[in-house]
Amino acid sequence: LQVRWVIAFAVVSITVAIAFSAIWWAFLPLFFI
């Protein structure tokens, strides 16, 4: 279950970062997490 949550979190983070690529740097904390 923990792996599924991490994969889901990764997919959501990447999707949001692409959608708001102009401010991609704001999502660095998410990638660190």
PDB file of all heavy atoms in Angstrom:
ATOM      1  N   LEU A   1       0.825  -1.202   0.000  1.00  0.00           N
ATOM      2  CA  LEU A   1       0.000   0.000   0.000  1.00  0.00           C
ATOM      3  C   LEU A   1       0.861   1.254   0.000  1.00  0.00           C
ATOM      4  O   LEU A   1       0.547   2.229  -0.705  1.00  0.00           O
ATOM      5  CB  LEU A   1      -0.912  -0.018   1.232  1.00  0.00           C
ATOM      6  CG  LEU A   1      -1.826   1.202   1.426  1.00  0.00           C
ATOM      7  CD1 LEU A   1      -2.801   1.312   0.251  1.00  0.00           C
ATOM      8  CD2 LEU A   1      -2.589   1.094   2.741  1.00  0.00           C
ATOM      9  N   GLN A   2       1.991   1.206   0.779  1.00  0.00           N
ATOM     10  CA  GLN A   2       2.852   2.387   0.844  1.00  0.00           C
ATOM     11  C   GLN A   2       3.451   2.722  -0.517  1.00  0.00           C
ATOM     12  O   GLN A   2       3.589   3.891  -0.876  1.00  0.00           O
ATOM     13  CB  GLN A   2       3.979   2.152   1.874  1.00  0.00           C
ATOM     14  CG  GLN A   2       3.507   2.036   3.315  1.00  0.00           C
ATOM     15  CD  GLN A   2       3.114   0.604   3.678  1.00  0.00           C
ATOM     16  OE1 GLN A   2       2.875  -0.219   2.807  1.00  0.00           O
ATOM     17  NE2 GLN A   2       3.033   0.350   4.987  1.00  0.00           N
ATOM     18  N   VAL A   3       3.794   1.694  -1.312  1.00  0.00           N
ATOM     19  CA  VAL A   3       4.373   1.911  -2.641  1.00  0.00           C
ATOM     20  C   VAL A   3       3.335   2.547  -3.562  1.00  0.00           C
ATOM     21  O   VAL A   3       3.642   3.458  -4.346  1.00  0.00           O
ATOM     22  CB  VAL A   3       4.889   0.583  -3.230  1.00  0.00           C
ATOM     23  CG1 VAL A   3       5.389   0.797  -4.662  1.00  0.00           C
ATOM     24  CG2 VAL A   3       5.993  -0.003  -2.360  1.00  0.00           C
ATOM     25  N   ARG A   4       2.100   2.086  -3.447  1.00  0.00           N
ATOM     26  CA  ARG A   4       1.038   2.653  -4.276  1.00  0.00           C
ATOM     27  C   ARG A   4       0.850   4.144  -3.983  1.00  0.00           C
ATOM     28  O   ARG A   4       0.666   4.957  -4.891  1.00  0.00           O
ATOM     29  CB  ARG A   4      -0.279   1.915  -4.016  1.00  0.00           C
ATOM     30  CG  ARG A   4      -0.264   0.455  -4.444  1.00  0.00           C
ATOM     31  CD  ARG A   4      -1.538  -0.243  -4.008  1.00  0.00           C
ATOM     32  NE  ARG A   4      -1.505  -1.667  -4.301  1.00  0.00           N
ATOM     33  CZ  ARG A   4      -2.417  -2.534  -3.874  1.00  0.00           C
ATOM     34  NH1 ARG A   4      -3.429  -2.088  -3.136  1.00  0.00           N
ATOM     35  NH2 ARG A   4      -2.314  -3.803  -4.180  1.00  0.00           N
ATOM     36  N   TRP A   5       0.883   4.493  -2.706  1.00  0.00           N
ATOM     37  CA  TRP A   5       0.718   5.902  -2.334  1.00  0.00           C
ATOM     38  C   TRP A   5       1.867   6.749  -2.873  1.00  0.00           C
ATOM     39  O   TRP A   5       1.652   7.872  -3.346  1.00  0.00           O
ATOM     40  CB  TRP A   5       0.654   6.034  -0.812  1.00  0.00           C
ATOM     41  CG  TRP A   5      -0.716   5.809  -0.234  1.00  0.00           C
ATOM     42  CD1 TRP A   5      -1.143   4.737   0.467  1.00  0.00           C
ATOM     43  CD2 TRP A   5      -1.835   6.684  -0.343  1.00  0.00           C
ATOM     44  NE1 TRP A   5      -2.471   4.871   0.822  1.00  0.00           N
ATOM     45  CE2 TRP A   5      -2.928   6.070   0.337  1.00  0.00           C
ATOM     46  CE3 TRP A   5      -2.056   7.926  -0.957  1.00  0.00           C
ATOM     47  CZ2 TRP A   5      -4.189   6.644   0.427  1.00  0.00           C
ATOM     48  CZ3 TRP A   5      -3.319   8.499  -0.843  1.00  0.00           C
ATOM     49  CH2 TRP A   5      -4.362   7.866  -0.172  1.00  0.00           C
ATOM     50  N   VAL A   6       3.077   6.236  -2.813  1.00  0.00           N
ATOM     51  CA  VAL A   6       4.224   6.994  -3.308  1.00  0.00           C
ATOM     52  C   VAL A   6       4.130   7.175  -4.817  1.00  0.00           C
ATOM     53  O   VAL A   6       4.401   8.255  -5.355  1.00  0.00           O
ATOM     54  CB  VAL A   6       5.546   6.292  -2.913  1.00  0.00           C
ATOM     55  CG1 VAL A   6       6.728   6.935  -3.647  1.00  0.00           C
ATOM     56  CG2 VAL A   6       5.755   6.352  -1.411  1.00  0.00           C
ATOM     57  N   ILE A   7       3.716   6.119  -5.521  1.00  0.00           N
ATOM     58  CA  ILE A   7       3.574   6.232  -6.979  1.00  0.00           C
ATOM     59  C   ILE A   7       2.499   7.256  -7.322  1.00  0.00           C
ATOM     60  O   ILE A   7       2.674   8.097  -8.219  1.00  0.00           O
ATOM     61  CB  ILE A   7       3.232   4.849  -7.587  1.00  0.00           C
ATOM     62  CG1 ILE A   7       4.445   3.901  -7.443  1.00  0.00           C
ATOM     63  CG2 ILE A   7       2.833   4.999  -9.058  1.00  0.00           C
ATOM     64  CD1 ILE A   7       4.135   2.479  -7.906  1.00  0.00           C
ATOM     65  N   ALA A   8       1.407   7.212  -6.581  1.00  0.00           N
ATOM     66  CA  ALA A   8       0.329   8.166  -6.833  1.00  0.00           C
ATOM     67  C   ALA A   8       0.799   9.593  -6.570  1.00  0.00           C
ATOM     68  O   ALA A   8       0.486  10.521  -7.339  1.00  0.00           O
ATOM     69  CB  ALA A   8      -0.876   7.828  -5.955  1.00  0.00           C
ATOM     70  N   PHE A   9       1.544   9.755  -5.477  1.00  0.00           N
ATOM     71  CA  PHE A   9       2.058  11.078  -5.152  1.00  0.00           C
ATOM     72  C   PHE A   9       3.002  11.577  -6.232  1.00  0.00           C
ATOM     73  O   PHE A   9       2.982  12.757  -6.620  1.00  0.00           O
ATOM     74  CB  PHE A   9       2.789  11.020  -3.796  1.00  0.00           C
ATOM     75  CG  PHE A   9       3.371  12.337  -3.355  1.00  0.00           C
ATOM     76  CD1 PHE A   9       2.564  13.319  -2.803  1.00  0.00           C
ATOM     77  CD2 PHE A   9       4.734  12.597  -3.507  1.00  0.00           C
ATOM     78  CE1 PHE A   9       3.106  14.533  -2.384  1.00  0.00           C
ATOM     79  CE2 PHE A   9       5.277  13.804  -3.114  1.00  0.00           C
ATOM     80  CZ  PHE A   9       4.458  14.772  -2.546  1.00  0.00           C
ATOM     81  N   ALA A  10       3.835  10.665  -6.766  1.00  0.00           N
ATOM     82  CA  ALA A  10       4.778  11.045  -7.814  1.00  0.00           C
ATOM     83  C   ALA A  10       4.048  11.460  -9.086  1.00  0.00           C
ATOM     84  O   ALA A  10       4.382  12.467  -9.722  1.00  0.00           O
ATOM     85  CB  ALA A  10       5.727   9.888  -8.098  1.00  0.00           C
ATOM     86  N   VAL A  11       3.013  10.707  -9.451  1.00  0.00           N
ATOM     87  CA  VAL A  11       2.250  11.021 -10.666  1.00  0.00           C
ATOM     88  C   VAL A  11       1.571  12.378 -10.531  1.00  0.00           C
ATOM     89  O   VAL A  11       1.614  13.222 -11.452  1.00  0.00           O
ATOM     90  CB  VAL A  11       1.206   9.911 -10.938  1.00  0.00           C
ATOM     91  CG1 VAL A  11       0.248  10.350 -12.058  1.00  0.00           C
ATOM     92  CG2 VAL A  11       1.893   8.618 -11.303  1.00  0.00           C
ATOM     93  N   VAL A  12       0.944  12.627  -9.385  1.00  0.00           N
ATOM     94  CA  VAL A  12       0.256  13.900  -9.172  1.00  0.00           C
ATOM     95  C   VAL A  12       1.255  15.058  -9.190  1.00  0.00           C
ATOM     96  O   VAL A  12       1.000  16.109  -9.797  1.00  0.00           O
ATOM     97  CB  VAL A  12      -0.512  13.877  -7.833  1.00  0.00           C
ATOM     98  CG1 VAL A  12      -1.056  15.269  -7.504  1.00  0.00           C
ATOM     99  CG2 VAL A  12      -1.665  12.875  -7.903  1.00  0.00           C
ATOM    100  N   SER A  13       2.403  14.886  -8.542  1.00  0.00           N
ATOM    101  CA  SER A  13       3.399  15.951  -8.472  1.00  0.00           C
ATOM    102  C   SER A  13       3.928  16.301  -9.854  1.00  0.00           C
ATOM    103  O   SER A  13       4.053  17.491 -10.209  1.00  0.00           O
ATOM    104  CB  SER A  13       4.569  15.514  -7.572  1.00  0.00           C
ATOM    105  OG  SER A  13       4.121  15.264  -6.251  1.00  0.00           O
ATOM    106  N   ILE A  14       4.238  15.278 -10.644  1.00  0.00           N
ATOM    107  CA  ILE A  14       4.767  15.522 -11.991  1.00  0.00           C
ATOM    108  C   ILE A  14       3.707  16.185 -12.872  1.00  0.00           C
ATOM    109  O   ILE A  14       3.990  17.126 -13.621  1.00  0.00           O
ATOM    110  CB  ILE A  14       5.249  14.196 -12.616  1.00  0.00           C
ATOM    111  CG1 ILE A  14       6.466  13.671 -11.832  1.00  0.00           C
ATOM    112  CG2 ILE A  14       5.604  14.388 -14.080  1.00  0.00           C
ATOM    113  CD1 ILE A  14       6.888  12.269 -12.252  1.00  0.00           C
ATOM    114  N   THR A  15       2.462  15.706 -12.765  1.00  0.00           N
ATOM    115  CA  THR A  15       1.369  16.273 -13.576  1.00  0.00           C
ATOM    116  C   THR A  15       1.163  17.750 -13.260  1.00  0.00           C
ATOM    117  O   THR A  15       1.044  18.599 -14.152  1.00  0.00           O
ATOM    118  CB  THR A  15       0.064  15.500 -13.319  1.00  0.00           C
ATOM    119  OG1 THR A  15       0.261  14.119 -13.643  1.00  0.00           O
ATOM    120  CG2 THR A  15      -1.068  16.075 -14.161  1.00  0.00           C
ATOM    121  N   VAL A  16       1.134  18.085 -11.949  1.00  0.00           N
ATOM    122  CA  VAL A  16       0.926  19.477 -11.546  1.00  0.00           C
ATOM    123  C   VAL A  16       2.100  20.340 -11.982  1.00  0.00           C
ATOM    124  O   VAL A  16       1.932  21.487 -12.429  1.00  0.00           O
ATOM    125  CB  VAL A  16       0.719  19.565 -10.012  1.00  0.00           C
ATOM    126  CG1 VAL A  16       0.675  21.024  -9.569  1.00  0.00           C
ATOM    127  CG2 VAL A  16      -0.558  18.852  -9.623  1.00  0.00           C
ATOM    128  N   ALA A  17       3.322  19.817 -11.874  1.00  0.00           N
ATOM    129  CA  ALA A  17       4.507  20.584 -12.270  1.00  0.00           C
ATOM    130  C   ALA A  17       4.491  20.888 -13.755  1.00  0.00           C
ATOM    131  O   ALA A  17       4.868  21.992 -14.194  1.00  0.00           O
ATOM    132  CB  ALA A  17       5.768  19.809 -11.889  1.00  0.00           C
ATOM    133  N   ILE A  18       4.040  19.902 -14.594  1.00  0.00           N
ATOM    134  CA  ILE A  18       3.967  20.127 -16.039  1.00  0.00           C
ATOM    135  C   ILE A  18       2.894  21.166 -16.362  1.00  0.00           C
ATOM    136  O   ILE A  18       3.075  22.050 -17.202  1.00  0.00           O
ATOM    137  CB  ILE A  18       3.676  18.798 -16.768  1.00  0.00           C
ATOM    138  CG1 ILE A  18       4.887  17.853 -16.625  1.00  0.00           C
ATOM    139  CG2 ILE A  18       3.349  19.047 -18.245  1.00  0.00           C
ATOM    140  CD1 ILE A  18       4.628  16.470 -17.179  1.00  0.00           C
ATOM    141  N   ALA A  19       1.772  21.067 -15.623  1.00  0.00           N
ATOM    142  CA  ALA A  19       0.661  22.000 -15.870  1.00  0.00           C
ATOM    143  C   ALA A  19       1.048  23.431 -15.529  1.00  0.00           C
ATOM    144  O   ALA A  19       0.570  24.388 -16.163  1.00  0.00           O
ATOM    145  CB  ALA A  19      -0.564  21.571 -15.078  1.00  0.00           C
ATOM    146  N   PHE A  20       1.888  23.577 -14.561  1.00  0.00           N
ATOM    147  CA  PHE A  20       2.318  24.915 -14.141  1.00  0.00           C
ATOM    148  C   PHE A  20       3.827  25.055 -14.353  1.00  0.00           C
ATOM    149  O   PHE A  20       4.570  25.419 -13.447  1.00  0.00           O
ATOM    150  CB  PHE A  20       1.965  25.154 -12.665  1.00  0.00           C
ATOM    151  CG  PHE A  20       0.489  25.127 -12.384  1.00  0.00           C
ATOM    152  CD1 PHE A  20      -0.127  23.938 -11.996  1.00  0.00           C
ATOM    153  CD2 PHE A  20      -0.282  26.279 -12.510  1.00  0.00           C
ATOM    154  CE1 PHE A  20      -1.486  23.913 -11.732  1.00  0.00           C
ATOM    155  CE2 PHE A  20      -1.630  26.244 -12.231  1.00  0.00           C
ATOM    156  CZ  PHE A  20      -2.252  25.052 -11.854  1.00  0.00           C
ATOM    157  N   SER A  21       4.262  24.745 -15.522  1.00  0.00           N
ATOM    158  CA  SER A  21       5.703  24.710 -15.826  1.00  0.00           C
ATOM    159  C   SER A  21       6.370  26.080 -15.669  1.00  0.00           C
ATOM    160  O   SER A  21       7.583  26.162 -15.461  1.00  0.00           O
ATOM    161  CB  SER A  21       5.916  24.206 -17.262  1.00  0.00           C
ATOM    162  OG  SER A  21       5.205  25.041 -18.187  1.00  0.00           O
ATOM    163  N   ALA A  22       5.588  27.139 -15.730  1.00  0.00           N
ATOM    164  CA  ALA A  22       6.183  28.474 -15.599  1.00  0.00           C
ATOM    165  C   ALA A  22       6.746  28.709 -14.202  1.00  0.00           C
ATOM    166  O   ALA A  22       7.656  29.518 -14.008  1.00  0.00           O
ATOM    167  CB  ALA A  22       5.142  29.543 -15.944  1.00  0.00           C
ATOM    168  N   ILE A  23       6.166  28.026 -13.261  1.00  0.00           N
ATOM    169  CA  ILE A  23       6.665  28.173 -11.865  1.00  0.00           C
ATOM    170  C   ILE A  23       7.098  26.793 -11.336  1.00  0.00           C
ATOM    171  O   ILE A  23       6.792  26.401 -10.212  1.00  0.00           O
ATOM    172  CB  ILE A  23       5.584  28.788 -10.946  1.00  0.00           C
ATOM    173  CG1 ILE A  23       4.269  27.995 -11.051  1.00  0.00           C
ATOM    174  CG2 ILE A  23       5.362  30.257 -11.265  1.00  0.00           C
ATOM    175  CD1 ILE A  23       3.240  28.418  -9.997  1.00  0.00           C
ATOM    176  N   TRP A  24       7.810  26.049 -12.169  1.00  0.00           N
ATOM    177  CA  TRP A  24       8.229  24.684 -11.802  1.00  0.00           C
ATOM    178  C   TRP A  24       9.045  24.644 -10.507  1.00  0.00           C
ATOM    179  O   TRP A  24       8.993  23.688  -9.749  1.00  0.00           O
ATOM    180  CB  TRP A  24       9.053  24.090 -12.944  1.00  0.00           C
ATOM    181  CG  TRP A  24      10.335  24.881 -13.213  1.00  0.00           C
ATOM    182  CD1 TRP A  24      10.471  25.913 -14.072  1.00  0.00           C
ATOM    183  CD2 TRP A  24      11.582  24.695 -12.552  1.00  0.00           C
ATOM    184  NE1 TRP A  24      11.741  26.410 -14.048  1.00  0.00           N
ATOM    185  CE2 TRP A  24      12.467  25.669 -13.108  1.00  0.00           C
ATOM    186  CE3 TRP A  24      12.070  23.816 -11.589  1.00  0.00           C
ATOM    187  CZ2 TRP A  24      13.792  25.787 -12.701  1.00  0.00           C
ATOM    188  CZ3 TRP A  24      13.387  23.917 -11.190  1.00  0.00           C
ATOM    189  CH2 TRP A  24      14.237  24.899 -11.740  1.00  0.00           C
ATOM    190  N   TRP A  25       9.796  25.738 -10.277  1.00  0.00           N
ATOM    191  CA  TRP A  25      10.654  25.770  -9.084  1.00  0.00           C
ATOM    192  C   TRP A  25       9.859  25.710  -7.781  1.00  0.00           C
ATOM    193  O   TRP A  25      10.363  25.308  -6.730  1.00  0.00           O
ATOM    194  CB  TRP A  25      11.498  27.046  -9.081  1.00  0.00           C
ATOM    195  CG  TRP A  25      10.709  28.301  -9.382  1.00  0.00           C
ATOM    196  CD1 TRP A  25      10.517  28.869 -10.603  1.00  0.00           C
ATOM    197  CD2 TRP A  25       9.987  29.094  -8.436  1.00  0.00           C
ATOM    198  NE1 TRP A  25       9.719  29.992 -10.499  1.00  0.00           N
ATOM    199  CE2 TRP A  25       9.386  30.153  -9.166  1.00  0.00           C
ATOM    200  CE3 TRP A  25       9.800  29.037  -7.057  1.00  0.00           C
ATOM    201  CZ2 TRP A  25       8.602  31.129  -8.557  1.00  0.00           C
ATOM    202  CZ3 TRP A  25       9.015  30.012  -6.446  1.00  0.00           C
ATOM    203  CH2 TRP A  25       8.430  31.044  -7.192  1.00  0.00           C
ATOM    204  N   ALA A  26       8.580  26.119  -7.824  1.00  0.00           N
ATOM    205  CA  ALA A  26       7.753  26.085  -6.616  1.00  0.00           C
ATOM    206  C   ALA A  26       7.446  24.659  -6.171  1.00  0.00           C
ATOM    207  O   ALA A  26       7.013  24.431  -5.031  1.00  0.00           O
ATOM    208  CB  ALA A  26       6.453  26.844  -6.856  1.00  0.00           C
ATOM    209  N   PHE A  27       7.677  23.694  -7.091  1.00  0.00           N
ATOM    210  CA  PHE A  27       7.354  22.299  -6.774  1.00  0.00           C
ATOM    211  C   PHE A  27       8.576  21.492  -6.332  1.00  0.00           C
ATOM    212  O   PHE A  27       8.478  20.284  -6.128  1.00  0.00           O
ATOM    213  CB  PHE A  27       6.715  21.639  -8.001  1.00  0.00           C
ATOM    214  CG  PHE A  27       5.413  22.277  -8.395  1.00  0.00           C
ATOM    215  CD1 PHE A  27       5.390  23.252  -9.379  1.00  0.00           C
ATOM    216  CD2 PHE A  27       4.220  21.934  -7.760  1.00  0.00           C
ATOM    217  CE1 PHE A  27       4.195  23.866  -9.731  1.00  0.00           C
ATOM    218  CE2 PHE A  27       3.045  22.560  -8.116  1.00  0.00           C
ATOM    219  CZ  PHE A  27       3.011  23.523  -9.100  1.00  0.00           C
ATOM    220  N   LEU A  28       9.712  22.182  -6.168  1.00  0.00           N
ATOM    221  CA  LEU A  28      10.917  21.479  -5.719  1.00  0.00           C
ATOM    222  C   LEU A  28      10.735  20.793  -4.356  1.00  0.00           C
ATOM    223  O   LEU A  28      11.221  19.669  -4.169  1.00  0.00           O
ATOM    224  CB  LEU A  28      12.107  22.451  -5.667  1.00  0.00           C
ATOM    225  CG  LEU A  28      12.669  22.878  -7.033  1.00  0.00           C
ATOM    226  CD1 LEU A  28      13.805  23.885  -6.849  1.00  0.00           C
ATOM    227  CD2 LEU A  28      13.172  21.644  -7.799  1.00  0.00           C
ATOM    228  N   PRO A  29      10.044  21.433  -3.400  1.00  0.00           N
ATOM    229  CA  PRO A  29       9.827  20.732  -2.122  1.00  0.00           C
ATOM    230  C   PRO A  29       9.084  19.408  -2.288  1.00  0.00           C
ATOM    231  O   PRO A  29       9.357  18.444  -1.575  1.00  0.00           O
ATOM    232  CB  PRO A  29       9.000  21.730  -1.305  1.00  0.00           C
ATOM    233  CG  PRO A  29       9.379  23.067  -1.856  1.00  0.00           C
ATOM    234  CD  PRO A  29       9.563  22.828  -3.324  1.00  0.00           C
ATOM    235  N   LEU A  30       8.136  19.371  -3.258  1.00  0.00           N
ATOM    236  CA  LEU A  30       7.409  18.129  -3.483  1.00  0.00           C
ATOM    237  C   LEU A  30       8.335  17.034  -3.992  1.00  0.00           C
ATOM    238  O   LEU A  30       8.237  15.866  -3.584  1.00  0.00           O
ATOM    239  CB  LEU A  30       6.275  18.355  -4.481  1.00  0.00           C
ATOM    240  CG  LEU A  30       5.135  19.274  -4.031  1.00  0.00           C
ATOM    241  CD1 LEU A  30       4.118  19.434  -5.155  1.00  0.00           C
ATOM    242  CD2 LEU A  30       4.456  18.698  -2.787  1.00  0.00           C
ATOM    243  N   PHE A  31       9.266  17.409  -4.861  1.00  0.00           N
ATOM    244  CA  PHE A  31      10.209  16.419  -5.386  1.00  0.00           C
ATOM    245  C   PHE A  31      11.185  15.958  -4.303  1.00  0.00           C
ATOM    246  O   PHE A  31      11.595  14.796  -4.270  1.00  0.00           O
ATOM    247  CB  PHE A  31      10.959  16.991  -6.592  1.00  0.00           C
ATOM    248  CG  PHE A  31      10.110  17.090  -7.822  1.00  0.00           C
ATOM    249  CD1 PHE A  31       9.655  18.320  -8.276  1.00  0.00           C
ATOM    250  CD2 PHE A  31       9.718  15.945  -8.515  1.00  0.00           C
ATOM    251  CE1 PHE A  31       8.855  18.412  -9.411  1.00  0.00           C
ATOM    252  CE2 PHE A  31       8.915  16.026  -9.650  1.00  0.00           C
ATOM    253  CZ  PHE A  31       8.484  17.269 -10.096  1.00  0.00           C
ATOM    254  N   PHE A  32      11.542  16.869  -3.400  1.00  0.00           N
ATOM    255  CA  PHE A  32      12.405  16.486  -2.277  1.00  0.00           C
ATOM    256  C   PHE A  32      11.687  15.468  -1.389  1.00  0.00           C
ATOM    257  O   PHE A  32      12.263  14.458  -0.972  1.00  0.00           O
ATOM    258  CB  PHE A  32      12.795  17.714  -1.464  1.00  0.00           C
ATOM    259  CG  PHE A  32      13.556  17.389  -0.202  1.00  0.00           C
ATOM    260  CD1 PHE A  32      14.888  17.027  -0.254  1.00  0.00           C
ATOM    261  CD2 PHE A  32      12.908  17.418   1.040  1.00  0.00           C
ATOM    262  CE1 PHE A  32      15.579  16.708   0.907  1.00  0.00           C
ATOM    263  CE2 PHE A  32      13.590  17.113   2.200  1.00  0.00           C
ATOM    264  CZ  PHE A  32      14.934  16.751   2.139  1.00  0.00           C
ATOM    265  N   ILE A  33      10.400  15.728  -1.106  1.00  0.00           N
ATOM    266  CA  ILE A  33       9.602  14.795  -0.303  1.00  0.00           C
ATOM    267  C   ILE A  33       9.503  13.449  -1.007  1.00  0.00           C
ATOM    268  O   ILE A  33       9.574  12.388  -0.382  1.00  0.00           O
ATOM    269  CB  ILE A  33       8.208  15.377  -0.031  1.00  0.00           C
ATOM    270  CG1 ILE A  33       8.322  16.604   0.885  1.00  0.00           C
ATOM    271  CG2 ILE A  33       7.289  14.330   0.594  1.00  0.00           C
ATOM    272  CD1 ILE A  33       7.006  17.345   1.071  1.00  0.00           C
TER     273      ILE A  33
END
